[in-house]
N, C-alpha and C. Protein backbone atom coordinates (compact mmCIF):
# COMPACT_ATOMS: atom_id res chain seq x y z
N MET A 1 7.11 -42.30 24.59
CA MET A 1 6.68 -41.10 25.36
C MET A 1 5.18 -41.25 25.54
N THR A 2 4.44 -41.12 26.43
CA THR A 2 3.26 -41.34 26.73
C THR A 2 1.67 -40.37 26.31
N ALA A 3 0.91 -40.55 26.49
CA ALA A 3 0.10 -39.26 26.03
C ALA A 3 0.14 -38.45 27.11
N ALA A 4 0.25 -38.99 28.49
CA ALA A 4 0.05 -38.04 29.71
C ALA A 4 1.12 -37.20 29.84
N LYS A 5 2.35 -37.64 29.39
CA LYS A 5 3.84 -36.74 29.28
C LYS A 5 3.70 -35.93 28.43
N THR A 6 3.33 -36.01 27.49
CA THR A 6 2.87 -35.24 26.20
C THR A 6 1.86 -34.01 26.49
N PHE A 7 0.91 -34.52 27.31
CA PHE A 7 -0.08 -33.46 27.64
C PHE A 7 0.60 -32.51 28.95
N LYS A 8 1.42 -33.23 29.73
CA LYS A 8 2.19 -32.25 30.42
C LYS A 8 2.88 -31.34 30.00
N LYS A 9 3.98 -31.57 29.06
CA LYS A 9 4.51 -30.88 28.19
C LYS A 9 3.87 -29.92 27.56
N ALA A 10 2.84 -29.99 26.57
CA ALA A 10 2.32 -28.94 25.92
C ALA A 10 0.72 -29.40 26.12
N HIS A 11 0.13 -28.86 27.09
CA HIS A 11 -1.48 -29.35 27.23
C HIS A 11 -2.38 -28.64 26.35
N PHE A 12 -1.65 -27.76 25.41
CA PHE A 12 -2.36 -27.16 24.64
C PHE A 12 -2.61 -27.77 23.50
N LEU A 13 -1.64 -28.57 23.14
CA LEU A 13 -1.95 -29.47 21.75
C LEU A 13 -2.50 -30.47 21.94
N ASN A 14 -3.17 -30.75 20.60
CA ASN A 14 -3.94 -31.83 20.30
C ASN A 14 -3.18 -33.26 20.01
N LEU A 15 -3.39 -34.05 21.24
CA LEU A 15 -2.41 -35.26 21.58
C LEU A 15 -2.65 -36.39 20.43
N ASP A 16 -3.20 -36.23 19.41
CA ASP A 16 -3.71 -36.97 18.44
C ASP A 16 -2.51 -36.34 17.07
N THR A 17 -2.32 -35.45 17.45
CA THR A 17 -0.65 -34.87 16.35
C THR A 17 0.36 -35.07 16.84
N SER A 18 1.30 -34.92 15.80
CA SER A 18 2.57 -35.21 16.25
C SER A 18 3.60 -33.79 16.34
N MET A 19 2.66 -32.48 16.60
CA MET A 19 2.92 -31.14 16.88
C MET A 19 3.94 -30.99 17.95
N THR A 20 4.91 -30.33 17.86
CA THR A 20 5.77 -29.75 19.01
C THR A 20 5.45 -28.55 19.17
N PRO A 21 5.55 -27.80 20.32
CA PRO A 21 5.47 -26.63 20.30
C PRO A 21 6.94 -25.77 20.09
N GLU A 22 6.88 -24.66 19.45
CA GLU A 22 8.02 -23.91 19.00
C GLU A 22 7.77 -22.52 18.61
N HIS A 23 8.55 -21.75 18.60
CA HIS A 23 8.48 -20.50 18.46
C HIS A 23 8.65 -20.26 17.07
N THR A 24 7.89 -19.17 16.02
CA THR A 24 7.99 -18.93 15.05
C THR A 24 8.07 -17.11 15.06
N ASP A 25 8.92 -16.71 14.93
CA ASP A 25 8.86 -15.37 14.84
C ASP A 25 8.13 -14.67 13.48
N VAL A 26 7.26 -14.39 13.38
CA VAL A 26 6.72 -13.92 11.97
C VAL A 26 6.85 -12.14 11.83
N THR A 27 7.04 -11.54 12.80
CA THR A 27 7.20 -10.26 12.83
C THR A 27 8.44 -10.11 12.33
N ALA A 28 9.73 -11.00 12.19
CA ALA A 28 10.76 -10.57 11.65
C ALA A 28 10.80 -10.56 9.96
N PRO A 29 11.66 -9.69 9.47
CA PRO A 29 11.74 -9.56 7.85
C PRO A 29 12.51 -10.39 7.52
N ALA A 30 12.10 -11.40 6.25
CA ALA A 30 13.06 -12.35 5.59
C ALA A 30 14.45 -11.78 5.42
N GLU A 31 14.85 -10.12 5.27
CA GLU A 31 15.81 -9.52 4.93
C GLU A 31 16.32 -8.58 5.70
N PRO A 32 17.47 -8.64 6.39
CA PRO A 32 17.61 -7.51 7.47
C PRO A 32 17.31 -6.15 7.02
N HIS A 33 16.28 -5.38 7.67
CA HIS A 33 16.45 -4.06 7.25
C HIS A 33 17.38 -3.13 7.68
N LEU A 34 17.80 -2.22 6.90
CA LEU A 34 18.71 -1.29 6.81
C LEU A 34 18.00 0.23 6.92
N PRO A 35 18.17 1.05 7.55
CA PRO A 35 17.97 2.39 7.77
C PRO A 35 18.20 3.11 6.55
N GLY A 36 19.19 2.71 5.91
CA GLY A 36 19.47 3.60 4.55
C GLY A 36 18.52 3.48 3.55
N ASP A 37 17.84 2.14 3.54
CA ASP A 37 16.96 1.65 2.68
C ASP A 37 15.53 3.09 2.60
N CYS A 38 15.08 3.27 3.82
CA CYS A 38 13.87 4.00 4.35
C CYS A 38 14.53 5.37 3.32
N THR A 39 15.70 5.81 3.94
CA THR A 39 16.11 7.42 3.27
C THR A 39 15.78 7.20 1.92
N ALA A 40 16.47 6.13 1.21
CA ALA A 40 16.31 5.78 -0.25
C ALA A 40 15.17 5.83 -0.60
N VAL A 41 14.33 5.38 -0.42
CA VAL A 41 12.68 4.81 -0.85
C VAL A 41 12.21 6.53 -0.78
N SER A 42 12.58 7.02 0.39
CA SER A 42 11.92 8.14 1.00
C SER A 42 12.45 9.35 -0.21
N SER A 43 13.63 9.39 -0.46
CA SER A 43 14.13 10.61 -1.23
C SER A 43 13.34 10.32 -2.66
N VAL A 44 13.05 9.03 -3.27
CA VAL A 44 12.74 8.72 -4.63
C VAL A 44 11.29 8.84 -4.71
N LEU A 45 10.22 8.67 -3.48
CA LEU A 45 9.05 8.98 -3.44
C LEU A 45 8.75 10.35 -3.22
N SER A 46 9.65 11.20 -2.71
CA SER A 46 9.28 12.78 -2.64
C SER A 46 9.45 13.21 -3.93
N ARG A 47 10.32 12.58 -4.81
CA ARG A 47 10.30 13.22 -6.16
C ARG A 47 9.10 12.81 -6.72
N VAL A 48 8.91 11.27 -6.95
CA VAL A 48 8.00 11.02 -7.86
C VAL A 48 6.27 11.00 -7.63
N GLY A 49 6.18 11.53 -5.95
CA GLY A 49 4.98 11.66 -5.53
C GLY A 49 4.56 12.97 -5.47
N ASP A 50 5.59 14.06 -5.74
CA ASP A 50 5.30 15.40 -6.18
C ASP A 50 4.31 15.67 -6.97
N LYS A 51 3.25 16.78 -6.48
CA LYS A 51 2.27 17.20 -7.48
C LYS A 51 2.55 17.65 -8.63
N TRP A 52 3.95 18.34 -8.77
CA TRP A 52 4.21 19.17 -10.23
C TRP A 52 5.04 17.62 -10.86
N SER A 53 5.90 16.74 -10.21
CA SER A 53 6.50 16.03 -11.01
C SER A 53 5.34 14.93 -11.52
N VAL A 54 4.19 14.52 -10.88
CA VAL A 54 3.46 13.85 -11.26
C VAL A 54 2.64 14.42 -12.68
N LEU A 55 2.34 15.74 -12.55
CA LEU A 55 1.80 16.32 -13.73
C LEU A 55 2.61 16.52 -14.92
N VAL A 56 3.98 16.77 -14.94
CA VAL A 56 4.98 16.73 -15.48
C VAL A 56 5.14 15.33 -16.26
N ILE A 57 5.34 14.46 -15.38
CA ILE A 57 5.32 12.95 -16.14
C ILE A 57 4.22 12.71 -16.81
N MET A 58 2.67 12.81 -16.48
CA MET A 58 1.63 12.59 -17.67
C MET A 58 1.66 13.90 -18.64
N SER A 59 2.37 14.79 -18.71
CA SER A 59 2.37 15.84 -19.97
C SER A 59 3.29 15.46 -20.73
N LEU A 60 4.23 14.70 -20.37
CA LEU A 60 5.36 14.25 -21.07
C LEU A 60 4.79 12.89 -21.55
N ALA A 61 3.80 12.41 -21.52
CA ALA A 61 3.82 10.57 -21.64
C ALA A 61 3.19 10.95 -22.97
N GLY A 62 2.68 11.86 -23.79
CA GLY A 62 2.34 11.54 -25.16
C GLY A 62 3.66 12.25 -26.30
N GLY A 63 4.75 12.03 -25.40
CA GLY A 63 6.41 12.45 -26.24
C GLY A 63 6.99 13.57 -25.98
N PRO A 64 7.90 13.88 -26.79
CA PRO A 64 8.65 15.09 -26.26
C PRO A 64 8.12 16.47 -26.10
N ARG A 65 8.07 17.25 -25.49
CA ARG A 65 7.64 18.62 -25.51
C ARG A 65 8.48 19.64 -24.89
N ARG A 66 8.17 20.93 -25.44
CA ARG A 66 9.12 21.89 -25.09
C ARG A 66 8.72 22.62 -23.66
N PHE A 67 9.34 23.42 -23.41
CA PHE A 67 9.38 23.95 -21.76
C PHE A 67 7.93 24.68 -21.82
N ASN A 68 7.82 25.52 -22.49
CA ASN A 68 6.35 26.42 -22.79
C ASN A 68 4.94 25.56 -22.87
N GLU A 69 5.31 24.54 -23.70
CA GLU A 69 4.41 23.54 -24.14
C GLU A 69 3.81 23.00 -22.62
N ILE A 70 4.65 22.18 -21.87
CA ILE A 70 4.43 21.78 -20.66
C ILE A 70 3.79 22.70 -19.51
N LYS A 71 4.60 23.98 -19.81
CA LYS A 71 3.89 25.01 -18.62
C LYS A 71 2.47 25.32 -19.18
N ARG A 72 2.10 25.35 -20.08
CA ARG A 72 0.56 25.46 -20.97
C ARG A 72 -0.52 24.31 -20.36
N MET A 73 0.41 23.21 -20.86
CA MET A 73 -0.26 21.87 -20.35
C MET A 73 -1.04 21.96 -19.23
N ILE A 74 -0.03 22.16 -18.14
CA ILE A 74 0.08 21.80 -16.49
C ILE A 74 -1.10 23.07 -16.26
N GLY A 75 -0.50 24.13 -16.55
CA GLY A 75 -1.38 25.60 -15.81
C GLY A 75 -1.06 25.70 -14.44
N GLY A 76 -1.20 27.00 -13.91
CA GLY A 76 -0.89 27.07 -12.51
C GLY A 76 0.58 26.70 -12.16
N ILE A 77 1.52 26.06 -12.65
CA ILE A 77 2.89 26.13 -12.37
C ILE A 77 3.81 27.29 -12.77
N SER A 78 4.45 27.80 -11.77
CA SER A 78 5.64 28.94 -12.29
C SER A 78 6.20 28.62 -13.14
N GLN A 79 7.20 29.34 -13.64
CA GLN A 79 8.37 29.01 -14.45
C GLN A 79 9.53 28.30 -13.36
N ARG A 80 9.87 29.17 -12.52
CA ARG A 80 10.66 28.51 -11.54
C ARG A 80 10.35 27.26 -11.00
N MET A 81 9.34 26.71 -10.41
CA MET A 81 8.66 25.74 -10.22
C MET A 81 8.89 24.48 -11.09
N LEU A 82 8.64 24.90 -12.46
CA LEU A 82 8.72 23.84 -13.68
C LEU A 82 9.87 23.68 -13.91
N THR A 83 10.75 24.77 -13.66
CA THR A 83 12.44 24.54 -13.88
C THR A 83 12.85 23.47 -12.79
N LEU A 84 12.38 23.56 -11.85
CA LEU A 84 13.08 23.30 -10.58
C LEU A 84 12.59 21.44 -10.69
N THR A 85 11.13 20.99 -11.02
CA THR A 85 10.95 19.98 -11.40
C THR A 85 11.45 19.40 -12.62
N LEU A 86 11.69 20.04 -13.59
CA LEU A 86 12.29 19.34 -14.67
C LEU A 86 13.55 18.86 -14.32
N ARG A 87 14.12 19.92 -13.54
CA ARG A 87 16.14 19.45 -13.28
C ARG A 87 15.97 18.30 -12.30
N GLY A 88 15.14 18.45 -11.47
CA GLY A 88 14.81 16.84 -10.26
C GLY A 88 14.52 15.87 -11.18
N LEU A 89 13.21 15.58 -12.35
CA LEU A 89 13.38 14.66 -13.02
C LEU A 89 14.56 14.09 -13.77
N GLU A 90 15.38 15.00 -14.47
CA GLU A 90 16.43 15.19 -15.17
C GLU A 90 17.47 14.28 -13.95
N ARG A 91 17.66 14.72 -12.94
CA ARG A 91 18.50 14.21 -12.24
C ARG A 91 18.75 12.78 -11.68
N ASP A 92 17.06 12.67 -11.32
CA ASP A 92 16.77 11.15 -10.91
C ASP A 92 16.68 10.08 -12.29
N GLY A 93 16.67 10.87 -13.36
CA GLY A 93 16.75 9.42 -14.82
C GLY A 93 15.66 9.68 -15.26
N LEU A 94 14.62 10.36 -14.96
CA LEU A 94 13.14 10.13 -15.51
C LEU A 94 13.08 10.95 -16.68
N VAL A 95 13.62 12.00 -16.79
CA VAL A 95 13.34 13.03 -17.75
C VAL A 95 14.72 13.19 -18.63
N THR A 96 14.93 13.27 -19.74
CA THR A 96 15.93 13.62 -20.39
C THR A 96 15.68 15.08 -21.25
N ARG A 97 16.91 15.88 -21.30
CA ARG A 97 16.70 17.33 -21.72
C ARG A 97 17.50 17.43 -23.10
N THR A 98 17.06 17.79 -23.98
CA THR A 98 17.98 17.74 -25.20
C THR A 98 17.87 19.58 -25.68
N LEU A 99 19.04 19.70 -25.96
CA LEU A 99 19.03 20.93 -26.74
C LEU A 99 19.47 21.18 -28.07
N TYR A 100 18.89 21.82 -28.91
CA TYR A 100 19.29 21.67 -30.25
C TYR A 100 20.00 23.30 -30.78
N PRO A 101 21.07 23.47 -31.27
CA PRO A 101 21.81 24.17 -31.47
C PRO A 101 21.31 25.44 -32.57
N THR A 102 19.80 25.75 -32.27
CA THR A 102 19.23 26.59 -33.06
C THR A 102 19.22 28.20 -32.63
N ILE A 103 18.85 28.87 -33.42
CA ILE A 103 18.23 30.23 -32.88
C ILE A 103 16.83 30.55 -33.21
N PRO A 104 16.53 30.93 -31.90
CA PRO A 104 16.58 30.98 -30.72
C PRO A 104 16.95 29.04 -30.56
N PRO A 105 17.77 29.12 -29.23
CA PRO A 105 18.05 27.50 -29.04
C PRO A 105 16.34 27.12 -28.40
N ARG A 106 16.52 25.56 -28.80
CA ARG A 106 15.40 24.82 -28.71
C ARG A 106 15.54 23.69 -27.69
N VAL A 107 14.75 23.21 -26.98
CA VAL A 107 14.83 22.55 -25.73
C VAL A 107 13.84 21.50 -25.43
N ASP A 108 14.01 20.41 -25.57
CA ASP A 108 12.78 19.01 -25.52
C ASP A 108 13.05 18.61 -24.50
N TYR A 109 12.03 18.10 -23.88
CA TYR A 109 12.14 17.24 -22.53
C TYR A 109 11.41 16.06 -22.89
N GLU A 110 11.67 14.96 -22.61
CA GLU A 110 11.10 13.55 -22.80
C GLU A 110 11.35 12.52 -22.00
N LEU A 111 10.29 11.82 -21.33
CA LEU A 111 10.40 10.73 -20.66
C LEU A 111 11.70 9.72 -21.05
N THR A 112 12.38 9.58 -20.16
CA THR A 112 13.40 8.39 -20.29
C THR A 112 12.50 6.75 -20.46
N GLU A 113 13.14 5.96 -20.80
CA GLU A 113 12.91 4.60 -20.31
C GLU A 113 12.18 4.07 -19.02
N LEU A 114 13.11 4.98 -17.80
CA LEU A 114 12.51 4.59 -16.65
C LEU A 114 11.82 5.61 -16.49
N GLY A 115 11.46 6.92 -17.22
CA GLY A 115 10.24 7.61 -16.87
C GLY A 115 9.12 7.04 -17.31
N GLN A 116 9.25 6.34 -18.43
CA GLN A 116 8.03 5.61 -19.31
C GLN A 116 7.51 4.56 -18.28
N SER A 117 8.24 3.86 -17.58
CA SER A 117 7.97 2.88 -16.83
C SER A 117 7.06 3.25 -15.64
N LEU A 118 7.18 4.40 -15.12
CA LEU A 118 6.33 5.43 -14.08
C LEU A 118 5.12 5.69 -14.51
N ARG A 119 4.80 5.76 -15.95
CA ARG A 119 3.50 6.26 -16.24
C ARG A 119 2.54 5.39 -16.13
N ALA A 120 2.39 4.19 -15.97
CA ALA A 120 1.53 3.46 -15.65
C ALA A 120 1.17 3.31 -14.04
N PRO A 121 2.44 3.47 -13.27
CA PRO A 121 1.63 3.70 -11.94
C PRO A 121 1.30 5.06 -11.53
N VAL A 122 1.63 6.13 -12.48
CA VAL A 122 0.97 7.36 -11.95
C VAL A 122 -0.23 7.65 -12.66
N GLU A 123 -0.43 6.87 -13.63
CA GLU A 123 -2.06 6.73 -14.23
C GLU A 123 -2.89 5.97 -13.21
N ASN A 124 -2.51 4.71 -12.76
CA ASN A 124 -3.00 3.96 -12.01
C ASN A 124 -3.62 4.87 -10.97
N LEU A 125 -2.65 5.75 -9.84
CA LEU A 125 -2.85 6.61 -8.90
C LEU A 125 -4.08 7.75 -9.22
N GLY A 126 -3.90 8.29 -10.59
CA GLY A 126 -4.73 9.44 -10.84
C GLY A 126 -6.01 8.76 -11.09
N ASN A 127 -6.40 7.47 -11.79
CA ASN A 127 -7.64 6.79 -11.82
C ASN A 127 -8.07 6.70 -10.63
N TRP A 128 -7.31 5.87 -9.50
CA TRP A 128 -7.87 5.51 -8.41
C TRP A 128 -8.59 6.99 -7.64
N VAL A 129 -7.92 8.10 -7.88
CA VAL A 129 -8.27 9.30 -7.07
C VAL A 129 -9.42 10.07 -7.80
N PHE A 130 -9.70 9.71 -9.09
CA PHE A 130 -11.07 9.89 -9.79
C PHE A 130 -12.23 9.14 -9.16
N LYS A 131 -11.66 7.89 -9.10
CA LYS A 131 -13.16 6.87 -8.56
C LYS A 131 -13.42 7.38 -6.94
N ASN A 132 -12.52 7.67 -6.49
CA ASN A 132 -12.35 7.86 -5.05
C ASN A 132 -12.90 9.32 -4.38
N LEU A 133 -12.90 10.18 -5.65
CA LEU A 133 -13.02 11.62 -5.21
C LEU A 133 -14.23 12.19 -4.56
N PRO A 134 -15.23 11.50 -4.82
CA PRO A 134 -16.64 11.77 -3.83
C PRO A 134 -16.26 11.53 -2.70
N GLU A 135 -15.61 10.19 -2.39
CA GLU A 135 -15.93 10.10 -1.11
C GLU A 135 -14.85 10.59 0.07
N ILE A 136 -13.70 11.31 -0.83
CA ILE A 136 -12.80 11.82 -0.37
C ILE A 136 -13.29 13.37 0.08
N HIS A 137 -14.13 13.91 -1.09
CA HIS A 137 -15.03 15.05 -0.51
C HIS A 137 -15.69 14.82 0.63
N SER A 138 -16.40 14.00 0.77
CA SER A 138 -17.55 13.62 1.97
C SER A 138 -16.32 13.54 3.32
N ALA A 139 -15.67 12.93 3.39
CA ALA A 139 -14.84 12.49 4.21
C ALA A 139 -13.98 13.77 4.65
N ARG A 140 -13.58 14.67 3.72
CA ARG A 140 -12.93 16.06 4.22
C ARG A 140 -14.09 17.23 4.53
N ALA A 141 -15.42 17.10 4.17
CA ALA A 141 -16.75 17.68 4.67
C ALA A 141 -16.95 17.48 6.35
N ARG A 142 -17.15 15.94 6.37
CA ARG A 142 -17.38 15.66 7.39
C ARG A 142 -16.08 16.14 8.45
N PHE A 143 -14.96 15.95 8.20
CA PHE A 143 -13.84 16.21 8.94
C PHE A 143 -13.93 17.38 9.46
N ASP A 144 -13.91 18.48 8.41
CA ASP A 144 -14.10 20.07 8.48
C ASP A 144 -15.19 20.38 9.22
N SER A 145 -16.30 19.86 9.52
CA SER A 145 -17.15 20.28 9.82
C SER A 145 -17.30 19.87 11.84
N GLY A 146 -16.32 19.16 11.86
CA GLY A 146 -16.02 18.63 13.21
C GLY A 146 -16.53 17.20 13.47
N GLY A 147 -17.07 16.70 12.64
CA GLY A 147 -17.33 15.27 12.69
C GLY A 147 -16.40 14.14 12.83
N SER A 148 -16.54 13.16 13.28
CA SER A 148 -15.38 12.28 13.68
C SER A 148 -15.33 11.48 12.26
N LEU A 149 -14.42 10.74 11.88
CA LEU A 149 -14.30 10.17 10.77
C LEU A 149 -14.50 8.75 10.71
N ILE A 150 -13.76 8.10 12.23
CA ILE A 150 -13.53 6.65 12.17
C ILE A 150 -13.42 6.79 13.74
N GLY A 151 -14.50 6.20 14.24
CA GLY A 151 -14.92 5.93 15.97
C GLY A 151 -14.76 7.58 16.80
N SER A 152 -13.55 7.38 17.28
CA SER A 152 -13.41 8.61 18.28
C SER A 152 -12.16 9.35 17.74
N SER A 153 -12.18 10.87 17.97
CA SER A 153 -11.24 11.49 17.64
C SER A 153 -9.89 12.15 18.50
N ILE A 154 -8.59 12.25 17.99
CA ILE A 154 -7.46 12.34 18.83
C ILE A 154 -7.53 12.72 20.09
N GLU A 155 -8.38 13.48 20.28
CA GLU A 155 -8.58 14.42 21.93
C GLU A 155 -9.11 13.59 22.50
N GLU A 156 -10.16 12.72 22.34
CA GLU A 156 -10.81 11.48 22.99
C GLU A 156 -10.17 10.90 23.49
N ASP A 157 -9.06 10.26 22.50
CA ASP A 157 -8.04 9.24 22.86
C ASP A 157 -6.83 9.69 23.57
N ASN A 158 -6.57 10.58 23.71
CA ASN A 158 -5.37 11.65 24.37
C ASN A 158 -6.21 12.33 25.09
N PRO A 159 -6.48 12.50 26.33
CA PRO A 159 -7.17 13.71 27.29
C PRO A 159 -6.16 14.16 27.91
N ALA A 160 -6.01 15.94 27.79
CA ALA A 160 -4.78 16.39 28.39
C ALA A 160 -4.87 16.50 29.86
């Protein structure tokens, strides 16, 4: 094949290389994406990303706790919300509930091994929040005062 013919076929290529034009789909995922995957991830993230779940996980990081102890540690959570949160965490295998047959009955809550594995990511998220809180407060203040955060506002991008 002559250089002239190569040039006609792929004029954008360097003639000194042996490259040939080909299509590479870089947007295609390595594995097929199933819609059910998003639903599964979404349901777990809604549990572990919930405000109360994060606080309960962190309150149990030091070991087993009783219901009222958790309630006092968190503050601001209603009895019903704490009950629902603990049940959800137990259902997802993050917390165990141990009932002791005493009078009155004693119930302890404790992180499972799976729950313990969630501690580090939750702590990292909390550390990120504390580190970036001043910037977040500034952004909220700019937004609330009607200032633009990045470039233009949504209304400017989408005129009515």
